[in-house]
Amino acid sequence: MRLLYVEDNRINALLFEEALKLQPGFELRVAEDGAQAMQLAREWMPQVLVLDSHLPDTDGTALLKSLRTVPGLAEVPAFMCSADALPEDIREALAAGFRAYWSKPISIAAVLADLRALQPPA
C-alpha cells in the first residue's frame, strides 16, 4: 500500500516513517509542503493520503481538494492529522472528505487499524 504523508515537521515525519517500516506491506513517501505533495502524487500515484492540517504553503483541506483533481486520486482514502483536535476541527475535516482524523501525537495503533481496514481480505 503506497502512502503519501504530507508533513512539514521532520520529527513527526520520521516517527511515522519508522513506525511503518516495522509493518509489512507499506511503502511511504513524505512531502514537506503542498507543492511537493502535488508533484509526488502525479509521479507516484499513492493509494492513501495522509495530510497535516497546517503546511507552509497551504492547509490540509485545500491540499485534499487539489489532490482530488489529479487523475486517479478522486476516490483515494485520505486521513487528516493534526494537533488541533477540537470537535469542530474534526467535523470540518470529515465534511471535507477525510475518512478519519488522527490527533497528534498520532496513535500508531489507530493508524494501523485504519490502514488495515483498507486492505482487501487475504
PDB file of N, CA and C in Angstrom:
ATOM      1  N   MET A   1       0.858  -1.166   0.000  1.00  0.00           N
ATOM      2  CA  MET A   1       0.000   0.000   0.000  1.00  0.00           C
ATOM      3  C   MET A   1       0.908   1.235   0.000  1.00  0.00           C
ATOM      4  N   ARG A   2       0.727   2.075  -1.006  1.00  0.00           N
ATOM      5  CA  ARG A   2       1.544   3.292  -1.134  1.00  0.00           C
ATOM      6  C   ARG A   2       0.861   4.463  -0.416  1.00  0.00           C
ATOM      7  N   LEU A   3       1.577   5.033   0.569  1.00  0.00           N
ATOM      8  CA  LEU A   3       1.058   6.160   1.341  1.00  0.00           C
ATOM      9  C   LEU A   3       1.877   7.406   1.062  1.00  0.00           C
ATOM     10  N   LEU A   4       1.186   8.495   0.831  1.00  0.00           N
ATOM     11  CA  LEU A   4       1.819   9.804   0.741  1.00  0.00           C
ATOM     12  C   LEU A   4       1.483  10.552   2.019  1.00  0.00           C
ATOM     13  N   TYR A   5       2.511  10.882   2.799  1.00  0.00           N
ATOM     14  CA  TYR A   5       2.343  11.620   4.045  1.00  0.00           C
ATOM     15  C   TYR A   5       2.879  13.022   3.826  1.00  0.00           C
ATOM     16  N   VAL A   6       2.038  14.019   4.001  1.00  0.00           N
ATOM     17  CA  VAL A   6       2.436  15.412   3.806  1.00  0.00           C
ATOM     18  C   VAL A   6       2.555  16.043   5.189  1.00  0.00           C
ATOM     19  N   GLU A   7       3.797  16.318   5.577  1.00  0.00           N
ATOM     20  CA  GLU A   7       4.102  16.773   6.936  1.00  0.00           C
ATOM     21  C   GLU A   7       5.340  17.652   6.897  1.00  0.00           C
ATOM     22  N   ASP A   8       5.227  18.872   7.386  1.00  0.00           N
ATOM     23  CA  ASP A   8       6.370  19.785   7.361  1.00  0.00           C
ATOM     24  C   ASP A   8       7.271  19.649   8.586  1.00  0.00           C
ATOM     25  N   ASN A   9       6.823  18.951   9.617  1.00  0.00           N
ATOM     26  CA  ASN A   9       7.647  18.726  10.798  1.00  0.00           C
ATOM     27  C   ASN A   9       8.434  17.435  10.602  1.00  0.00           C
ATOM     28  N   ARG A  10       9.740  17.566  10.424  1.00  0.00           N
ATOM     29  CA  ARG A  10      10.572  16.406  10.092  1.00  0.00           C
ATOM     30  C   ARG A  10      10.539  15.334  11.183  1.00  0.00           C
ATOM     31  N   ILE A  11      10.465  15.743  12.444  1.00  0.00           N
ATOM     32  CA  ILE A  11      10.417  14.767  13.544  1.00  0.00           C
ATOM     33  C   ILE A  11       9.144  13.928  13.439  1.00  0.00           C
ATOM     34  N   ASN A  12       7.998  14.578  13.220  1.00  0.00           N
ATOM     35  CA  ASN A  12       6.736  13.832  13.058  1.00  0.00           C
ATOM     36  C   ASN A  12       6.822  12.881  11.879  1.00  0.00           C
ATOM     37  N   ALA A  13       7.401  13.348  10.778  1.00  0.00           N
ATOM     38  CA  ALA A  13       7.530  12.503   9.588  1.00  0.00           C
ATOM     39  C   ALA A  13       8.415  11.296   9.872  1.00  0.00           C
ATOM     40  N   LEU A  14       9.530  11.509  10.572  1.00  0.00           N
ATOM     41  CA  LEU A  14      10.435  10.399  10.897  1.00  0.00           C
ATOM     42  C   LEU A  14       9.781   9.369  11.807  1.00  0.00           C
ATOM     43  N   LEU A  15       9.028   9.840  12.794  1.00  0.00           N
ATOM     44  CA  LEU A  15       8.339   8.912  13.696  1.00  0.00           C
ATOM     45  C   LEU A  15       7.330   8.050  12.932  1.00  0.00           C
ATOM     46  N   PHE A  16       6.578   8.677  12.045  1.00  0.00           N
ATOM     47  CA  PHE A  16       5.592   7.956  11.241  1.00  0.00           C
ATOM     48  C   PHE A  16       6.309   6.950  10.330  1.00  0.00           C
ATOM     49  N   GLU A  17       7.379   7.412   9.718  1.00  0.00           N
ATOM     50  CA  GLU A  17       8.154   6.568   8.810  1.00  0.00           C
ATOM     51  C   GLU A  17       8.722   5.350   9.539  1.00  0.00           C
ATOM     52  N   GLU A  18       9.309   5.567  10.711  1.00  0.00           N
ATOM     53  CA  GLU A  18       9.893   4.464  11.482  1.00  0.00           C
ATOM     54  C   GLU A  18       8.822   3.465  11.919  1.00  0.00           C
ATOM     55  N   ALA A  19       7.662   3.952  12.323  1.00  0.00           N
ATOM     56  CA  ALA A  19       6.583   3.055  12.741  1.00  0.00           C
ATOM     57  C   ALA A  19       6.111   2.184  11.584  1.00  0.00           C
ATOM     58  N   LEU A  20       5.995   2.764  10.394  1.00  0.00           N
ATOM     59  CA  LEU A  20       5.520   1.985   9.240  1.00  0.00           C
ATOM     60  C   LEU A  20       6.572   1.022   8.714  1.00  0.00           C
ATOM     61  N   LYS A  21       7.853   1.350   8.906  1.00  0.00           N
ATOM     62  CA  LYS A  21       8.925   0.446   8.464  1.00  0.00           C
ATOM     63  C   LYS A  21       8.817  -0.914   9.138  1.00  0.00           C
ATOM     64  N   LEU A  22       8.291  -0.920  10.352  1.00  0.00           N
ATOM     65  CA  LEU A  22       8.167  -2.165  11.115  1.00  0.00           C
ATOM     66  C   LEU A  22       6.996  -3.021  10.651  1.00  0.00           C
ATOM     67  N   GLN A  23       6.170  -2.477   9.766  1.00  0.00           N
ATOM     68  CA  GLN A  23       4.970  -3.169   9.299  1.00  0.00           C
ATOM     69  C   GLN A  23       5.153  -3.614   7.849  1.00  0.00           C
ATOM     70  N   PRO A  24       4.862  -4.857   7.529  1.00  0.00           N
ATOM     71  CA  PRO A  24       4.974  -5.284   6.132  1.00  0.00           C
ATOM     72  C   PRO A  24       3.839  -4.711   5.279  1.00  0.00           C
ATOM     73  N   GLY A  25       4.139  -4.478   4.030  1.00  0.00           N
ATOM     74  CA  GLY A  25       3.094  -4.125   3.081  1.00  0.00           C
ATOM     75  C   GLY A  25       2.856  -2.641   2.873  1.00  0.00           C
ATOM     76  N   PHE A  26       3.705  -1.780   3.439  1.00  0.00           N
ATOM     77  CA  PHE A  26       3.514  -0.340   3.281  1.00  0.00           C
ATOM     78  C   PHE A  26       4.743   0.284   2.632  1.00  0.00           C
ATOM     79  N   GLU A  27       4.490   1.197   1.716  1.00  0.00           N
ATOM     80  CA  GLU A  27       5.548   1.998   1.114  1.00  0.00           C
ATOM     81  C   GLU A  27       5.165   3.453   1.347  1.00  0.00           C
ATOM     82  N   LEU A  28       6.075   4.213   1.945  1.00  0.00           N
ATOM     83  CA  LEU A  28       5.773   5.578   2.348  1.00  0.00           C
ATOM     84  C   LEU A  28       6.662   6.570   1.622  1.00  0.00           C
ATOM     85  N   ARG A  29       6.056   7.647   1.160  1.00  0.00           N
ATOM     86  CA  ARG A  29       6.787   8.813   0.658  1.00  0.00           C
ATOM     87  C   ARG A  29       6.306  10.008   1.462  1.00  0.00           C
ATOM     88  N   VAL A  30       7.226  10.923   1.756  1.00  0.00           N
ATOM     89  CA  VAL A  30       6.908  12.101   2.555  1.00  0.00           C
ATOM     90  C   VAL A  30       7.136  13.355   1.722  1.00  0.00           C
ATOM     91  N   ALA A  31       6.179  14.247   1.764  1.00  0.00           N
ATOM     92  CA  ALA A  31       6.306  15.574   1.155  1.00  0.00           C
ATOM     93  C   ALA A  31       6.237  16.593   2.277  1.00  0.00           C
ATOM     94  N   GLU A  32       6.978  17.693   2.133  1.00  0.00           N
ATOM     95  CA  GLU A  32       7.029  18.698   3.195  1.00  0.00           C
ATOM     96  C   GLU A  32       6.067  19.856   2.989  1.00  0.00           C
ATOM     97  N   ASP A  33       5.467  19.951   1.801  1.00  0.00           N
ATOM     98  CA  ASP A  33       4.513  21.028   1.549  1.00  0.00           C
ATOM     99  C   ASP A  33       3.563  20.603   0.429  1.00  0.00           C
ATOM    100  N   GLY A  34       2.594  21.456   0.164  1.00  0.00           N
ATOM    101  CA  GLY A  34       1.577  21.132  -0.831  1.00  0.00           C
ATOM    102  C   GLY A  34       2.138  20.984  -2.229  1.00  0.00           C
ATOM    103  N   ALA A  35       3.066  21.848  -2.609  1.00  0.00           N
ATOM    104  CA  ALA A  35       3.637  21.781  -3.955  1.00  0.00           C
ATOM    105  C   ALA A  35       4.373  20.466  -4.172  1.00  0.00           C
ATOM    106  N   GLN A  36       5.165  20.067  -3.191  1.00  0.00           N
ATOM    107  CA  GLN A  36       5.889  18.797  -3.302  1.00  0.00           C
ATOM    108  C   GLN A  36       4.905  17.622  -3.309  1.00  0.00           C
ATOM    109  N   ALA A  37       3.843  17.723  -2.529  1.00  0.00           N
ATOM    110  CA  ALA A  37       2.829  16.667  -2.495  1.00  0.00           C
ATOM    111  C   ALA A  37       2.171  16.494  -3.863  1.00  0.00           C
ATOM    112  N   MET A  38       1.841  17.600  -4.504  1.00  0.00           N
ATOM    113  CA  MET A  38       1.203  17.528  -5.824  1.00  0.00           C
ATOM    114  C   MET A  38       2.135  16.851  -6.835  1.00  0.00           C
ATOM    115  N   GLN A  39       3.402  17.209  -6.798  1.00  0.00           N
ATOM    116  CA  GLN A  39       4.374  16.610  -7.719  1.00  0.00           C
ATOM    117  C   GLN A  39       4.523  15.110  -7.465  1.00  0.00           C
ATOM    118  N   LEU A  40       4.703  14.731  -6.190  1.00  0.00           N
ATOM    119  CA  LEU A  40       4.841  13.312  -5.850  1.00  0.00           C
ATOM    120  C   LEU A  40       3.593  12.524  -6.229  1.00  0.00           C
ATOM    121  N   ALA A  41       2.438  13.100  -5.968  1.00  0.00           N
ATOM    122  CA  ALA A  41       1.175  12.411  -6.265  1.00  0.00           C
ATOM    123  C   ALA A  41       1.051  12.119  -7.756  1.00  0.00           C
ATOM    124  N   ARG A  42       1.429  13.065  -8.582  1.00  0.00           N
ATOM    125  CA  ARG A  42       1.339  12.858 -10.034  1.00  0.00           C
ATOM    126  C   ARG A  42       2.333  11.808 -10.518  1.00  0.00           C
ATOM    127  N   GLU A  43       3.526  11.805  -9.951  1.00  0.00           N
ATOM    128  CA  GLU A  43       4.586  10.888 -10.393  1.00  0.00           C
ATOM    129  C   GLU A  43       4.419   9.473  -9.837  1.00  0.00           C
ATOM    130  N   TRP A  44       3.913   9.363  -8.626  1.00  0.00           N
ATOM    131  CA  TRP A  44       3.975   8.100  -7.889  1.00  0.00           C
ATOM    132  C   TRP A  44       2.617   7.451  -7.640  1.00  0.00           C
ATOM    133  N   MET A  45       1.544   8.189  -7.722  1.00  0.00           N
ATOM    134  CA  MET A  45       0.172   7.727  -7.555  1.00  0.00           C
ATOM    135  C   MET A  45      -0.039   6.938  -6.251  1.00  0.00           C
ATOM    136  N   PRO A  46      -0.149   7.646  -5.135  1.00  0.00           N
ATOM    137  CA  PRO A  46      -0.373   6.979  -3.850  1.00  0.00           C
ATOM    138  C   PRO A  46      -1.752   6.334  -3.776  1.00  0.00           C
ATOM    139  N   GLN A  47      -1.862   5.357  -2.886  1.00  0.00           N
ATOM    140  CA  GLN A  47      -3.130   4.679  -2.655  1.00  0.00           C
ATOM    141  C   GLN A  47      -3.835   5.195  -1.398  1.00  0.00           C
ATOM    142  N   VAL A  48      -3.087   5.949  -0.578  1.00  0.00           N
ATOM    143  CA  VAL A  48      -3.624   6.555   0.633  1.00  0.00           C
ATOM    144  C   VAL A  48      -2.936   7.910   0.817  1.00  0.00           C
ATOM    145  N   LEU A  49      -3.719   8.906   1.240  1.00  0.00           N
ATOM    146  CA  LEU A  49      -3.183  10.239   1.523  1.00  0.00           C
ATOM    147  C   LEU A  49      -3.284  10.501   3.019  1.00  0.00           C
ATOM    148  N   VAL A  50      -2.199  11.005   3.599  1.00  0.00           N
ATOM    149  CA  VAL A  50      -2.185  11.411   4.998  1.00  0.00           C
ATOM    150  C   VAL A  50      -1.684  12.845   5.007  1.00  0.00           C
ATOM    151  N   LEU A  51      -2.562  13.778   5.390  1.00  0.00           N
ATOM    152  CA  LEU A  51      -2.242  15.190   5.270  1.00  0.00           C
ATOM    153  C   LEU A  51      -2.266  15.892   6.615  1.00  0.00           C
ATOM    154  N   ASP A  52      -1.201  16.635   6.897  1.00  0.00           N
ATOM    155  CA  ASP A  52      -1.173  17.504   8.066  1.00  0.00           C
ATOM    156  C   ASP A  52      -2.122  18.661   7.787  1.00  0.00           C
ATOM    157  N   SER A  53      -2.717  19.203   8.828  1.00  0.00           N
ATOM    158  CA  SER A  53      -3.671  20.288   8.594  1.00  0.00           C
ATOM    159  C   SER A  53      -2.990  21.629   8.336  1.00  0.00           C
ATOM    160  N   HIS A  54      -1.774  21.828   8.853  1.00  0.00           N
ATOM    161  CA  HIS A  54      -1.069  23.106   8.695  1.00  0.00           C
ATOM    162  C   HIS A  54       0.246  22.884   7.961  1.00  0.00           C
ATOM    163  N   LEU A  55       0.329  23.384   6.756  1.00  0.00           N
ATOM    164  CA  LEU A  55       1.527  23.246   5.936  1.00  0.00           C
ATOM    165  C   LEU A  55       2.046  24.628   5.568  1.00  0.00           C
ATOM    166  N   PRO A  56       3.311  24.739   5.180  1.00  0.00           N
ATOM    167  CA  PRO A  56       3.879  26.062   4.903  1.00  0.00           C
ATOM    168  C   PRO A  56       3.179  26.817   3.773  1.00  0.00           C
ATOM    169  N   ASP A  57       2.661  26.103   2.779  1.00  0.00           N
ATOM    170  CA  ASP A  57       2.090  26.782   1.612  1.00  0.00           C
ATOM    171  C   ASP A  57       0.584  26.578   1.434  1.00  0.00           C
ATOM    172  N   THR A  58      -0.040  25.810   2.338  1.00  0.00           N
ATOM    173  CA  THR A  58      -1.474  25.534   2.213  1.00  0.00           C
ATOM    174  C   THR A  58      -1.958  24.883   3.505  1.00  0.00           C
ATOM    175  N   ASP A  59      -3.208  24.488   3.522  1.00  0.00           N
ATOM    176  CA  ASP A  59      -3.704  23.681   4.642  1.00  0.00           C
ATOM    177  C   ASP A  59      -4.178  22.338   4.094  1.00  0.00           C
ATOM    178  N   GLY A  60      -4.358  21.378   4.986  1.00  0.00           N
ATOM    179  CA  GLY A  60      -4.690  20.023   4.564  1.00  0.00           C
ATOM    180  C   GLY A  60      -5.974  19.918   3.766  1.00  0.00           C
ATOM    181  N   THR A  61      -6.976  20.698   4.126  1.00  0.00           N
ATOM    182  CA  THR A  61      -8.252  20.640   3.418  1.00  0.00           C
ATOM    183  C   THR A  61      -8.118  21.167   1.995  1.00  0.00           C
ATOM    184  N   ALA A  62      -7.437  22.297   1.829  1.00  0.00           N
ATOM    185  CA  ALA A  62      -7.216  22.838   0.482  1.00  0.00           C
ATOM    186  C   ALA A  62      -6.354  21.891  -0.347  1.00  0.00           C
ATOM    187  N   LEU A  63      -5.355  21.280   0.295  1.00  0.00           N
ATOM    188  CA  LEU A  63      -4.499  20.343  -0.428  1.00  0.00           C
ATOM    189  C   LEU A  63      -5.290  19.121  -0.886  1.00  0.00           C
ATOM    190  N   LEU A  64      -6.177  18.611  -0.027  1.00  0.00           N
ATOM    191  CA  LEU A  64      -7.001  17.471  -0.433  1.00  0.00           C
ATOM    192  C   LEU A  64      -7.830  17.831  -1.659  1.00  0.00           C
ATOM    193  N   LYS A  65      -8.406  19.007  -1.654  1.00  0.00           N
ATOM    194  CA  LYS A  65      -9.209  19.450  -2.795  1.00  0.00           C
ATOM    195  C   LYS A  65      -8.356  19.468  -4.078  1.00  0.00           C
ATOM    196  N   SER A  66      -7.132  19.951  -3.982  1.00  0.00           N
ATOM    197  CA  SER A  66      -6.227  19.977  -5.142  1.00  0.00           C
ATOM    198  C   SER A  66      -5.831  18.570  -5.565  1.00  0.00           C
ATOM    199  N   LEU A  67      -5.506  17.723  -4.588  1.00  0.00           N
ATOM    200  CA  LEU A  67      -5.106  16.349  -4.915  1.00  0.00           C
ATOM    201  C   LEU A  67      -6.243  15.580  -5.587  1.00  0.00           C
ATOM    202  N   ARG A  68      -7.475  15.887  -5.232  1.00  0.00           N
ATOM    203  CA  ARG A  68      -8.632  15.213  -5.838  1.00  0.00           C
ATOM    204  C   ARG A  68      -8.752  15.501  -7.336  1.00  0.00           C
ATOM    205  N   THR A  69      -8.097  16.556  -7.820  1.00  0.00           N
ATOM    206  CA  THR A  69      -8.137  16.873  -9.252  1.00  0.00           C
ATOM    207  C   THR A  69      -7.118  16.072 -10.056  1.00  0.00           C
ATOM    208  N   VAL A  70      -6.184  15.407  -9.378  1.00  0.00           N
ATOM    209  CA  VAL A  70      -5.187  14.589 -10.067  1.00  0.00           C
ATOM    210  C   VAL A  70      -5.870  13.305 -10.532  1.00  0.00           C
ATOM    211  N   PRO A  71      -5.766  12.979 -11.826  1.00  0.00           N
ATOM    212  CA  PRO A  71      -6.396  11.751 -12.310  1.00  0.00           C
ATOM    213  C   PRO A  71      -5.968  10.539 -11.477  1.00  0.00           C
ATOM    214  N   GLY A  72      -6.959   9.785 -11.021  1.00  0.00           N
ATOM    215  CA  GLY A  72      -6.704   8.600 -10.215  1.00  0.00           C
ATOM    216  C   GLY A  72      -6.775   8.834  -8.714  1.00  0.00           C
ATOM    217  N   LEU A  73      -6.851  10.082  -8.279  1.00  0.00           N
ATOM    218  CA  LEU A  73      -6.875  10.365  -6.835  1.00  0.00           C
ATOM    219  C   LEU A  73      -8.228  10.834  -6.320  1.00  0.00           C
ATOM    220  N   ALA A  74      -9.219  10.866  -7.170  1.00  0.00           N
ATOM    221  CA  ALA A  74     -10.530  11.380  -6.761  1.00  0.00           C
ATOM    222  C   ALA A  74     -11.144  10.594  -5.597  1.00  0.00           C
ATOM    223  N   GLU A  75     -10.878   9.294  -5.549  1.00  0.00           N
ATOM    224  CA  GLU A  75     -11.511   8.451  -4.529  1.00  0.00           C
ATOM    225  C   GLU A  75     -10.516   7.826  -3.557  1.00  0.00           C
ATOM    226  N   VAL A  76      -9.255   8.213  -3.627  1.00  0.00           N
ATOM    227  CA  VAL A  76      -8.238   7.630  -2.749  1.00  0.00           C
ATOM    228  C   VAL A  76      -8.536   8.031  -1.298  1.00  0.00           C
ATOM    229  N   PRO A  77      -8.509   7.075  -0.366  1.00  0.00           N
ATOM    230  CA  PRO A  77      -8.784   7.402   1.035  1.00  0.00           C
ATOM    231  C   PRO A  77      -7.785   8.428   1.562  1.00  0.00           C
ATOM    232  N   ALA A  78      -8.290   9.393   2.326  1.00  0.00           N
ATOM    233  CA  ALA A  78      -7.449  10.444   2.884  1.00  0.00           C
ATOM    234  C   ALA A  78      -7.697  10.554   4.386  1.00  0.00           C
ATOM    235  N   PHE A  79      -6.617  10.813   5.105  1.00  0.00           N
ATOM    236  CA  PHE A  79      -6.670  10.975   6.551  1.00  0.00           C
ATOM    237  C   PHE A  79      -6.027  12.303   6.919  1.00  0.00           C
ATOM    238  N   MET A  80      -6.659  13.035   7.826  1.00  0.00           N
ATOM    239  CA  MET A  80      -6.121  14.299   8.336  1.00  0.00           C
ATOM    240  C   MET A  80      -5.386  13.990   9.630  1.00  0.00           C
ATOM    241  N   CYS A  81      -4.241  14.626   9.820  1.00  0.00           N
ATOM    242  CA  CYS A  81      -3.563  14.516  11.107  1.00  0.00           C
ATOM    243  C   CYS A  81      -3.171  15.909  11.573  1.00  0.00           C
ATOM    244  N   SER A  82      -3.400  16.155  12.857  1.00  0.00           N
ATOM    245  CA  SER A  82      -3.136  17.489  13.384  1.00  0.00           C
ATOM    246  C   SER A  82      -3.139  17.475  14.897  1.00  0.00           C
ATOM    247  N   ALA A  83      -2.445  18.441  15.470  1.00  0.00           N
ATOM    248  CA  ALA A  83      -2.517  18.651  16.918  1.00  0.00           C
ATOM    249  C   ALA A  83      -3.809  19.376  17.279  1.00  0.00           C
ATOM    250  N   ASP A  84      -4.422  20.021  16.298  1.00  0.00           N
ATOM    251  CA  ASP A  84      -5.723  20.672  16.516  1.00  0.00           C
ATOM    252  C   ASP A  84      -6.792  19.584  16.483  1.00  0.00           C
ATOM    253  N   ALA A  85      -7.348  19.291  17.618  1.00  0.00           N
ATOM    254  CA  ALA A  85      -8.319  18.199  17.658  1.00  0.00           C
ATOM    255  C   ALA A  85      -9.615  18.623  18.339  1.00  0.00           C
ATOM    256  N   LEU A  86      -9.996  19.863  18.123  1.00  0.00           N
ATOM    257  CA  LEU A  86     -11.279  20.315  18.656  1.00  0.00           C
ATOM    258  C   LEU A  86     -12.403  19.652  17.858  1.00  0.00           C
ATOM    259  N   PRO A  87     -13.557  19.447  18.470  1.00  0.00           N
ATOM    260  CA  PRO A  87     -14.656  18.793  17.755  1.00  0.00           C
ATOM    261  C   PRO A  87     -14.978  19.455  16.409  1.00  0.00           C
ATOM    262  N   GLU A  88     -14.929  20.789  16.344  1.00  0.00           N
ATOM    263  CA  GLU A  88     -15.237  21.448  15.066  1.00  0.00           C
ATOM    264  C   GLU A  88     -14.153  21.196  14.013  1.00  0.00           C
ATOM    265  N   ASP A  89     -12.892  21.054  14.445  1.00  0.00           N
ATOM    266  CA  ASP A  89     -11.814  20.728  13.500  1.00  0.00           C
ATOM    267  C   ASP A  89     -12.063  19.351  12.883  1.00  0.00           C
ATOM    268  N   ILE A  90     -12.436  18.424  13.724  1.00  0.00           N
ATOM    269  CA  ILE A  90     -12.690  17.056  13.257  1.00  0.00           C
ATOM    270  C   ILE A  90     -13.902  17.032  12.337  1.00  0.00           C
ATOM    271  N   ARG A  91     -14.977  17.709  12.727  1.00  0.00           N
ATOM    272  CA  ARG A  91     -16.184  17.770  11.876  1.00  0.00           C
ATOM    273  C   ARG A  91     -15.863  18.364  10.512  1.00  0.00           C
ATOM    274  N   GLU A  92     -15.106  19.457  10.490  1.00  0.00           N
ATOM    275  CA  GLU A  92     -14.754  20.107   9.224  1.00  0.00           C
ATOM    276  C   GLU A  92     -13.931  19.177   8.335  1.00  0.00           C
ATOM    277  N   ALA A  93     -12.995  18.464   8.927  1.00  0.00           N
ATOM    278  CA  ALA A  93     -12.162  17.547   8.143  1.00  0.00           C
ATOM    279  C   ALA A  93     -13.012  16.417   7.547  1.00  0.00           C
ATOM    280  N   LEU A  94     -13.874  15.851   8.349  1.00  0.00           N
ATOM    281  CA  LEU A  94     -14.728  14.765   7.854  1.00  0.00           C
ATOM    282  C   LEU A  94     -15.672  15.275   6.767  1.00  0.00           C
ATOM    283  N   ALA A  95     -16.207  16.480   6.954  1.00  0.00           N
ATOM    284  CA  ALA A  95     -17.103  17.068   5.951  1.00  0.00           C
ATOM    285  C   ALA A  95     -16.358  17.369   4.647  1.00  0.00           C
ATOM    286  N   ALA A  96     -15.048  17.631   4.746  1.00  0.00           N
ATOM    287  CA  ALA A  96     -14.235  17.930   3.556  1.00  0.00           C
ATOM    288  C   ALA A  96     -13.820  16.673   2.803  1.00  0.00           C
ATOM    289  N   GLY A  97     -14.134  15.495   3.365  1.00  0.00           N
ATOM    290  CA  GLY A  97     -13.843  14.261   2.647  1.00  0.00           C
ATOM    291  C   GLY A  97     -12.768  13.381   3.250  1.00  0.00           C
ATOM    292  N   PHE A  98     -12.255  13.763   4.416  1.00  0.00           N
ATOM    293  CA  PHE A  98     -11.280  12.891   5.071  1.00  0.00           C
ATOM    294  C   PHE A  98     -12.007  11.723   5.709  1.00  0.00           C
ATOM    295  N   ARG A  99     -11.415  10.558   5.637  1.00  0.00           N
ATOM    296  CA  ARG A  99     -12.014   9.342   6.183  1.00  0.00           C
ATOM    297  C   ARG A  99     -11.948   9.323   7.705  1.00  0.00           C
ATOM    298  N   ALA A 100     -10.858   9.852   8.255  1.00  0.00           N
ATOM    299  CA  ALA A 100     -10.680   9.886   9.711  1.00  0.00           C
ATOM    300  C   ALA A 100      -9.730  11.027  10.052  1.00  0.00           C
ATOM    301  N   TYR A 101      -9.676  11.328  11.336  1.00  0.00           N
ATOM    302  CA  TYR A 101      -8.855  12.417  11.847  1.00  0.00           C
ATOM    303  C   TYR A 101      -7.952  11.828  12.914  1.00  0.00           C
ATOM    304  N   TRP A 102      -6.637  11.876  12.674  1.00  0.00           N
ATOM    305  CA  TRP A 102      -5.673  11.358  13.639  1.00  0.00           C
ATOM    306  C   TRP A 102      -5.074  12.524  14.397  1.00  0.00           C
ATOM    307  N   SER A 103      -5.328  12.584  15.704  1.00  0.00           N
ATOM    308  CA  SER A 103      -4.787  13.647  16.545  1.00  0.00           C
ATOM    309  C   SER A 103      -3.330  13.354  16.877  1.00  0.00           C
ATOM    310  N   LYS A 104      -2.533  14.425  16.891  1.00  0.00           N
ATOM    311  CA  LYS A 104      -1.130  14.287  17.293  1.00  0.00           C
ATOM    312  C   LYS A 104      -1.036  14.444  18.799  1.00  0.00           C
ATOM    313  N   PRO A 105      -0.186  13.686  19.469  1.00  0.00           N
ATOM    314  CA  PRO A 105       0.674  12.681  18.867  1.00  0.00           C
ATOM    315  C   PRO A 105      -0.155  11.513  18.327  1.00  0.00           C
ATOM    316  N   ILE A 106       0.194  11.096  17.138  1.00  0.00           N
ATOM    317  CA  ILE A 106      -0.580  10.074  16.433  1.00  0.00           C
ATOM    318  C   ILE A 106      -0.426   8.721  17.121  1.00  0.00           C
ATOM    319  N   SER A 107      -1.540   8.044  17.294  1.00  0.00           N
ATOM    320  CA  SER A 107      -1.537   6.677  17.813  1.00  0.00           C
ATOM    321  C   SER A 107      -1.261   5.730  16.650  1.00  0.00           C
ATOM    322  N   ILE A 108      -0.111   5.098  16.680  1.00  0.00           N
ATOM    323  CA  ILE A 108       0.250   4.179  15.599  1.00  0.00           C
ATOM    324  C   ILE A 108      -0.739   3.012  15.533  1.00  0.00           C
ATOM    325  N   ALA A 109      -1.244   2.586  16.684  1.00  0.00           N
ATOM    326  CA  ALA A 109      -2.244   1.501  16.695  1.00  0.00           C
ATOM    327  C   ALA A 109      -3.488   1.919  15.914  1.00  0.00           C
ATOM    328  N   ALA A 110      -3.950   3.155  16.106  1.00  0.00           N
ATOM    329  CA  ALA A 110      -5.128   3.645  15.375  1.00  0.00           C
ATOM    330  C   ALA A 110      -4.833   3.773  13.894  1.00  0.00           C
ATOM    331  N   VAL A 111      -3.650   4.275  13.566  1.00  0.00           N
ATOM    332  CA  VAL A 111      -3.248   4.399  12.160  1.00  0.00           C
ATOM    333  C   VAL A 111      -3.249   3.031  11.491  1.00  0.00           C
ATOM    334  N   LEU A 112      -2.609   2.070  12.126  1.00  0.00           N
ATOM    335  CA  LEU A 112      -2.526   0.722  11.541  1.00  0.00           C
ATOM    336  C   LEU A 112      -3.910   0.087  11.421  1.00  0.00           C
ATOM    337  N   ALA A 113      -4.768   0.286  12.400  1.00  0.00           N
ATOM    338  CA  ALA A 113      -6.135  -0.256  12.317  1.00  0.00           C
ATOM    339  C   ALA A 113      -6.868   0.332  11.132  1.00  0.00           C
ATOM    340  N   ASP A 114      -6.770   1.651  10.948  1.00  0.00           N
ATOM    341  CA  ASP A 114      -7.447   2.300   9.820  1.00  0.00           C
ATOM    342  C   ASP A 114      -6.865   1.840   8.485  1.00  0.00           C
ATOM    343  N   LEU A 115      -5.542   1.712   8.421  1.00  0.00           N
ATOM    344  CA  LEU A 115      -4.920   1.288   7.164  1.00  0.00           C
ATOM    345  C   LEU A 115      -5.227  -0.170   6.848  1.00  0.00           C
ATOM    346  N   ARG A 116      -5.210  -1.009   7.863  1.00  0.00           N
ATOM    347  CA  ARG A 116      -5.522  -2.438   7.639  1.00  0.00           C
ATOM    348  C   ARG A 116      -6.979  -2.596   7.166  1.00  0.00           C
ATOM    349  N   ALA A 117      -7.857  -1.739   7.645  1.00  0.00           N
ATOM    350  CA  ALA A 117      -9.254  -1.807   7.230  1.00  0.00           C
ATOM    351  C   ALA A 117      -9.410  -1.498   5.736  1.00  0.00           C
ATOM    352  N   LEU A 118      -8.443  -0.807   5.147  1.00  0.00           N
ATOM    353  CA  LEU A 118      -8.491  -0.503   3.715  1.00  0.00           C
ATOM    354  C   LEU A 118      -8.005  -1.659   2.854  1.00  0.00           C
ATOM    355  N   GLN A 119      -7.239  -2.563   3.446  1.00  0.00           N
ATOM    356  CA  GLN A 119      -6.670  -3.658   2.671  1.00  0.00           C
ATOM    357  C   GLN A 119      -7.724  -4.728   2.388  1.00  0.00           C
ATOM    358  N   PRO A 120      -7.695  -5.271   1.182  1.00  0.00           N
ATOM    359  CA  PRO A 120      -8.639  -6.362   0.887  1.00  0.00           C
ATOM    360  C   PRO A 120      -8.301  -7.589   1.719  1.00  0.00           C
ATOM    361  N   PRO A 121      -9.299  -8.385   2.053  1.00  0.00           N
ATOM    362  CA  PRO A 121      -9.036  -9.607   2.841  1.00  0.00           C
ATOM    363  C   PRO A 121      -8.084 -10.537   2.082  1.00  0.00           C
ATOM    364  N   ALA A 122      -7.231 -11.190   2.852  1.00  0.00           N
ATOM    365  CA  ALA A 122      -6.239 -12.109   2.242  1.00  0.00           C
ATOM    366  C   ALA A 122      -6.869 -13.413   1.835  1.00  0.00           C
TER     367      ALA A 122
END
